[in-house]
Each structure stands twice: as C-alpha cells, then as structure tokens.
Amino acid sequence: MAELVGPRVYSCCHCRNHVCLHDDIISKAFQGRNGRAFLFSHAMNISMGPKEDRQLMTGLHTVADIYCRDCREVLGWKYERAFEESQKYKEGKFIFEKAKISDAIHLGTLGRKLASFFADESFRNPLLDQAIPLNLEVLRIQTEV
C-alpha cells in the first residue's frame, strides 16, 4: 500500500486503506448512490471496474466504479467522459461517497508530534531510572514532506 503525504487523508471505511487526500477535494456538493459525495482530483490505492454509460442527475456520463485495492469495497466512481459540454470538468475526476470513506490523521503528523515531545532525543524510563536514546533521524526522514 502506498503511503500518502499531506496533513489529512481519507481512508476506506472498511479497511482504513488510504485512498485520497483532503487537499484534492474539488467539491463537497455532490450526490452519490447513497447520499452525499465528494469530487476529488486524484485517488490512490484503488482499482477500477469496467467503463459504462450511466444516466446521472447531471446527464449521461461514462463512468467506472472505483474499489478499495485492499478490501474491494465500492467507494464511488471515476468520470471517464461527460457528454454535455458543461460537465466536461468532471472528466478524469473521482467521486468518493462520504459514507464509504473516513477522515484520518496522517501518520506524519503523529511523527512530528513525537519528535517535538522527545526534543531532547532521549526518553527517561522510570523503571530503570535512566535515559534511553532515541533515533530521531528515522522520525525526521519519515515526517519530512
């Protein structure tokens, strides 16, 4: 599974696989099959089903369902083609249904918090009453964006 960089990622609600970045949201004003949906410019860790023409609220589109690569949960669809000129901006974009994704904090944020907490590069073990050196270089490499 590829790890995404950025302050916030959305994950598959079923298996927590990272599937899209919050920064890639184009619009939150979309309707999915089961309620509210978001339009994203990019997606990751997904697979696509076959293309099919589908009559949606905004007209006829060629779309392909998108699935979580890990658990195969249907998360939404990708717009492959819009037949109406006013809908062409959707081509190549992804719809994720809000009910199918969950907001998560990227692990990089946790790494930065840990690095600042252990700023003196040691942790005092109260049981042994001694300082244990930490290798913060690993944390720094993993948290740099």
C-alpha atoms as a PDB file:
ATOM      1  CA  MET A   1       0.000   0.000   0.000  1.00  0.00           C
ATOM      2  CA  ALA A   2       1.407   3.376  -0.960  1.00  0.00           C
ATOM      3  CA  GLU A   3       1.520   5.957   1.811  1.00  0.00           C
ATOM      4  CA  LEU A   4       0.147   9.418   1.063  1.00  0.00           C
ATOM      5  CA  VAL A   5       1.790  12.605   2.237  1.00  0.00           C
ATOM      6  CA  GLY A   6      -0.205  15.548   3.496  1.00  0.00           C
ATOM      7  CA  PRO A   7      -1.903  16.778   6.609  1.00  0.00           C
ATOM      8  CA  ARG A   8      -5.143  14.798   6.173  1.00  0.00           C
ATOM      9  CA  VAL A   9      -6.102  11.719   4.223  1.00  0.00           C
ATOM     10  CA  TYR A  10      -9.356   9.905   3.719  1.00  0.00           C
ATOM     11  CA  SER A  11      -9.392   6.156   4.226  1.00  0.00           C
ATOM     12  CA  CYS A  12     -11.624   3.290   3.193  1.00  0.00           C
ATOM     13  CA  CYS A  13     -14.245   2.979   5.936  1.00  0.00           C
ATOM     14  CA  HIS A  14     -13.927  -0.800   5.861  1.00  0.00           C
ATOM     15  CA  CYS A  15     -10.154  -1.440   5.999  1.00  0.00           C
ATOM     16  CA  ARG A  16      -8.585   2.034   6.594  1.00  0.00           C
ATOM     17  CA  ASN A  17      -6.559   1.913   3.360  1.00  0.00           C
ATOM     18  CA  HIS A  18      -5.568   5.495   2.410  1.00  0.00           C
ATOM     19  CA  VAL A  19      -7.464   6.416  -0.757  1.00  0.00           C
ATOM     20  CA  CYS A  20      -7.378  10.218  -1.223  1.00  0.00           C
ATOM     21  CA  LEU A  21      -6.024  13.480   0.144  1.00  0.00           C
ATOM     22  CA  HIS A  22      -8.175  16.158   1.723  1.00  0.00           C
ATOM     23  CA  ASP A  23      -6.243  18.743  -0.297  1.00  0.00           C
ATOM     24  CA  ASP A  24      -7.513  17.130  -3.521  1.00  0.00           C
ATOM     25  CA  ILE A  25     -11.191  17.868  -2.824  1.00  0.00           C
ATOM     26  CA  ILE A  26     -12.709  19.889  -5.635  1.00  0.00           C
ATOM     27  CA  SER A  27     -16.269  19.951  -4.294  1.00  0.00           C
ATOM     28  CA  LYS A  28     -18.329  18.573  -1.410  1.00  0.00           C
ATOM     29  CA  ALA A  29     -21.617  19.349  -3.169  1.00  0.00           C
ATOM     30  CA  PHE A  30     -22.135  16.040  -4.992  1.00  0.00           C
ATOM     31  CA  GLN A  31     -24.678  13.267  -4.633  1.00  0.00           C
ATOM     32  CA  GLY A  32     -23.647   9.614  -4.624  1.00  0.00           C
ATOM     33  CA  ARG A  33     -25.762   6.482  -4.773  1.00  0.00           C
ATOM     34  CA  ASN A  34     -26.265   6.526  -1.007  1.00  0.00           C
ATOM     35  CA  GLY A  35     -26.133  10.201  -0.097  1.00  0.00           C
ATOM     36  CA  ARG A  36     -23.539  12.916  -0.002  1.00  0.00           C
ATOM     37  CA  ALA A  37     -20.336  12.566  -2.041  1.00  0.00           C
ATOM     38  CA  PHE A  38     -17.118  14.486  -2.684  1.00  0.00           C
ATOM     39  CA  LEU A  39     -15.420  15.189  -6.017  1.00  0.00           C
ATOM     40  CA  PHE A  40     -11.629  14.625  -5.891  1.00  0.00           C
ATOM     41  CA  SER A  41      -8.950  15.426  -8.436  1.00  0.00           C
ATOM     42  CA  HIS A  42      -6.841  12.364  -7.533  1.00  0.00           C
ATOM     43  CA  ALA A  43      -7.185   8.947  -5.897  1.00  0.00           C
ATOM     44  CA  MET A  44      -4.769   6.287  -4.685  1.00  0.00           C
ATOM     45  CA  ASN A  45      -4.826   2.631  -3.661  1.00  0.00           C
ATOM     46  CA  ILE A  46      -7.943   1.958  -5.705  1.00  0.00           C
ATOM     47  CA  SER A  47      -8.853  -0.285  -8.603  1.00  0.00           C
ATOM     48  CA  MET A  48     -11.428   0.425 -11.276  1.00  0.00           C
ATOM     49  CA  GLY A  49     -14.254  -1.597 -12.717  1.00  0.00           C
ATOM     50  CA  PRO A  50     -15.347  -1.605 -16.347  1.00  0.00           C
ATOM     51  CA  LYS A  51     -16.467   1.613 -18.027  1.00  0.00           C
ATOM     52  CA  GLU A  52     -20.201   2.022 -18.546  1.00  0.00           C
ATOM     53  CA  ASP A  53     -22.578   4.737 -19.646  1.00  0.00           C
ATOM     54  CA  ARG A  54     -24.702   5.871 -16.707  1.00  0.00           C
ATOM     55  CA  GLN A  55     -27.521   8.387 -16.559  1.00  0.00           C
ATOM     56  CA  LEU A  56     -26.757  10.589 -13.552  1.00  0.00           C
ATOM     57  CA  MET A  57     -28.536  13.640 -12.155  1.00  0.00           C
ATOM     58  CA  THR A  58     -26.427  15.920 -14.376  1.00  0.00           C
ATOM     59  CA  GLY A  59     -26.807  13.917 -17.583  1.00  0.00           C
ATOM     60  CA  LEU A  60     -25.215  10.977 -19.364  1.00  0.00           C
ATOM     61  CA  HIS A  61     -21.643  10.111 -18.357  1.00  0.00           C
ATOM     62  CA  THR A  62     -19.219   7.259 -18.974  1.00  0.00           C
ATOM     63  CA  VAL A  63     -18.030   6.149 -15.531  1.00  0.00           C
ATOM     64  CA  ALA A  64     -16.113   3.307 -13.909  1.00  0.00           C
ATOM     65  CA  ASP A  65     -16.770   2.207 -10.344  1.00  0.00           C
ATOM     66  CA  ILE A  66     -13.770   2.543  -8.031  1.00  0.00           C
ATOM     67  CA  TYR A  67     -12.917  -0.039  -5.392  1.00  0.00           C
ATOM     68  CA  CYS A  68     -10.560  -0.089  -2.428  1.00  0.00           C
ATOM     69  CA  ARG A  69      -7.499  -2.005  -3.617  1.00  0.00           C
ATOM     70  CA  ASP A  70      -7.228  -3.880  -0.301  1.00  0.00           C
ATOM     71  CA  CYS A  71     -10.796  -4.929   0.598  1.00  0.00           C
ATOM     72  CA  ARG A  72     -12.626  -4.363  -2.747  1.00  0.00           C
ATOM     73  CA  GLU A  73     -15.297  -2.130  -1.157  1.00  0.00           C
ATOM     74  CA  VAL A  74     -17.033   0.062  -3.755  1.00  0.00           C
ATOM     75  CA  LEU A  75     -16.107   3.643  -2.811  1.00  0.00           C
ATOM     76  CA  GLY A  76     -17.595   5.626  -5.705  1.00  0.00           C
ATOM     77  CA  TRP A  77     -16.750   6.111  -9.363  1.00  0.00           C
ATOM     78  CA  LYS A  78     -14.424   7.821 -11.802  1.00  0.00           C
ATOM     79  CA  TYR A  79     -15.788  10.097 -14.512  1.00  0.00           C
ATOM     80  CA  GLU A  80     -14.289   8.936 -17.797  1.00  0.00           C
ATOM     81  CA  ARG A  81     -16.416  11.019 -20.180  1.00  0.00           C
ATOM     82  CA  ALA A  82     -19.101  13.670 -19.932  1.00  0.00           C
ATOM     83  CA  PHE A  83     -21.417  14.019 -22.918  1.00  0.00           C
ATOM     84  CA  GLU A  84     -22.587  17.533 -22.077  1.00  0.00           C
ATOM     85  CA  GLU A  85     -20.135  20.402 -22.533  1.00  0.00           C
ATOM     86  CA  SER A  86     -20.985  21.925 -19.128  1.00  0.00           C
ATOM     87  CA  GLN A  87     -19.967  18.679 -17.398  1.00  0.00           C
ATOM     88  CA  LYS A  88     -16.572  18.190 -19.107  1.00  0.00           C
ATOM     89  CA  TYR A  89     -14.727  19.480 -15.994  1.00  0.00           C
ATOM     90  CA  LYS A  90     -15.565  16.165 -14.271  1.00  0.00           C
ATOM     91  CA  GLU A  91     -13.616  14.030 -16.745  1.00  0.00           C
ATOM     92  CA  GLY A  92     -10.760  12.186 -15.049  1.00  0.00           C
ATOM     93  CA  LYS A  93     -12.077  13.106 -11.572  1.00  0.00           C
ATOM     94  CA  PHE A  94     -13.249  10.799  -8.787  1.00  0.00           C
ATOM     95  CA  ILE A  95     -16.414  10.650  -6.719  1.00  0.00           C
ATOM     96  CA  PHE A  96     -16.000   9.217  -3.223  1.00  0.00           C
ATOM     97  CA  GLU A  97     -19.194   8.618  -1.274  1.00  0.00           C
ATOM     98  CA  LYS A  98     -18.946  10.206   2.168  1.00  0.00           C
ATOM     99  CA  ALA A  99     -20.387   7.091   3.830  1.00  0.00           C
ATOM    100  CA  LYS A 100     -17.613   4.948   2.301  1.00  0.00           C
ATOM    101  CA  ILE A 101     -14.596   6.955   3.479  1.00  0.00           C
ATOM    102  CA  SER A 102     -13.429   8.120   6.873  1.00  0.00           C
ATOM    103  CA  ASP A 103     -11.281  11.115   7.760  1.00  0.00           C
ATOM    104  CA  ALA A 104      -7.927  10.222   9.301  1.00  0.00           C
ATOM    105  CA  ILE A 105      -4.815  11.963  10.573  1.00  0.00           C
ATOM    106  CA  HIS A 106      -1.754  11.102   8.534  1.00  0.00           C
ATOM    107  CA  LEU A 107       0.977   9.274  10.435  1.00  0.00           C
ATOM    108  CA  GLY A 108       3.399  12.051   9.501  1.00  0.00           C
ATOM    109  CA  THR A 109       1.513  14.336  11.896  1.00  0.00           C
ATOM    110  CA  LEU A 110       1.967  11.823  14.706  1.00  0.00           C
ATOM    111  CA  GLY A 111       5.680  11.582  13.880  1.00  0.00           C
ATOM    112  CA  ARG A 112       6.104  15.367  14.137  1.00  0.00           C
ATOM    113  CA  LYS A 113       4.304  15.402  17.489  1.00  0.00           C
ATOM    114  CA  LEU A 114       6.512  12.601  18.810  1.00  0.00           C
ATOM    115  CA  ALA A 115       9.636  14.352  17.570  1.00  0.00           C
ATOM    116  CA  SER A 116       8.736  17.567  19.405  1.00  0.00           C
ATOM    117  CA  PHE A 117       7.783  15.623  22.557  1.00  0.00           C
ATOM    118  CA  PHE A 118      11.170  13.882  22.563  1.00  0.00           C
ATOM    119  CA  ALA A 119      13.086  17.025  21.593  1.00  0.00           C
ATOM    120  CA  ASP A 120      15.947  16.203  23.922  1.00  0.00           C
ATOM    121  CA  GLU A 121      16.411  12.961  21.903  1.00  0.00           C
ATOM    122  CA  SER A 122      16.028  10.745  24.945  1.00  0.00           C
ATOM    123  CA  PHE A 123      13.223   9.229  26.936  1.00  0.00           C
ATOM    124  CA  ARG A 124      13.512   8.604  30.669  1.00  0.00           C
ATOM    125  CA  ASN A 125      12.440   5.097  31.574  1.00  0.00           C
ATOM    126  CA  PRO A 126      11.034   5.430  35.132  1.00  0.00           C
ATOM    127  CA  LEU A 127      11.516   1.726  35.869  1.00  0.00           C
ATOM    128  CA  LEU A 128      15.224   1.770  35.069  1.00  0.00           C
ATOM    129  CA  ASP A 129      15.756   5.441  36.026  1.00  0.00           C
ATOM    130  CA  GLN A 130      17.937   6.008  33.019  1.00  0.00           C
ATOM    131  CA  ALA A 131      17.726   7.886  29.764  1.00  0.00           C
ATOM    132  CA  ILE A 132      17.133   5.840  26.650  1.00  0.00           C
ATOM    133  CA  PRO A 133      18.473   7.500  23.479  1.00  0.00           C
ATOM    134  CA  LEU A 134      16.057   7.661  20.574  1.00  0.00           C
ATOM    135  CA  ASN A 135      16.957   7.597  16.931  1.00  0.00           C
ATOM    136  CA  LEU A 136      15.023  10.690  15.842  1.00  0.00           C
ATOM    137  CA  GLU A 137      16.721  10.701  12.458  1.00  0.00           C
ATOM    138  CA  VAL A 138      14.281   7.976  11.437  1.00  0.00           C
ATOM    139  CA  LEU A 139      11.347  10.124  12.610  1.00  0.00           C
ATOM    140  CA  ARG A 140      12.708  13.159  10.777  1.00  0.00           C
ATOM    141  CA  ILE A 141      13.030  11.271   7.498  1.00  0.00           C
ATOM    142  CA  GLN A 142       9.512   9.844   7.753  1.00  0.00           C
ATOM    143  CA  THR A 143       7.874  13.143   8.688  1.00  0.00           C
ATOM    144  CA  GLU A 144       9.516  15.480   6.180  1.00  0.00           C
ATOM    145  CA  VAL A 145       7.142  16.469   3.425  1.00  0.00           C
END
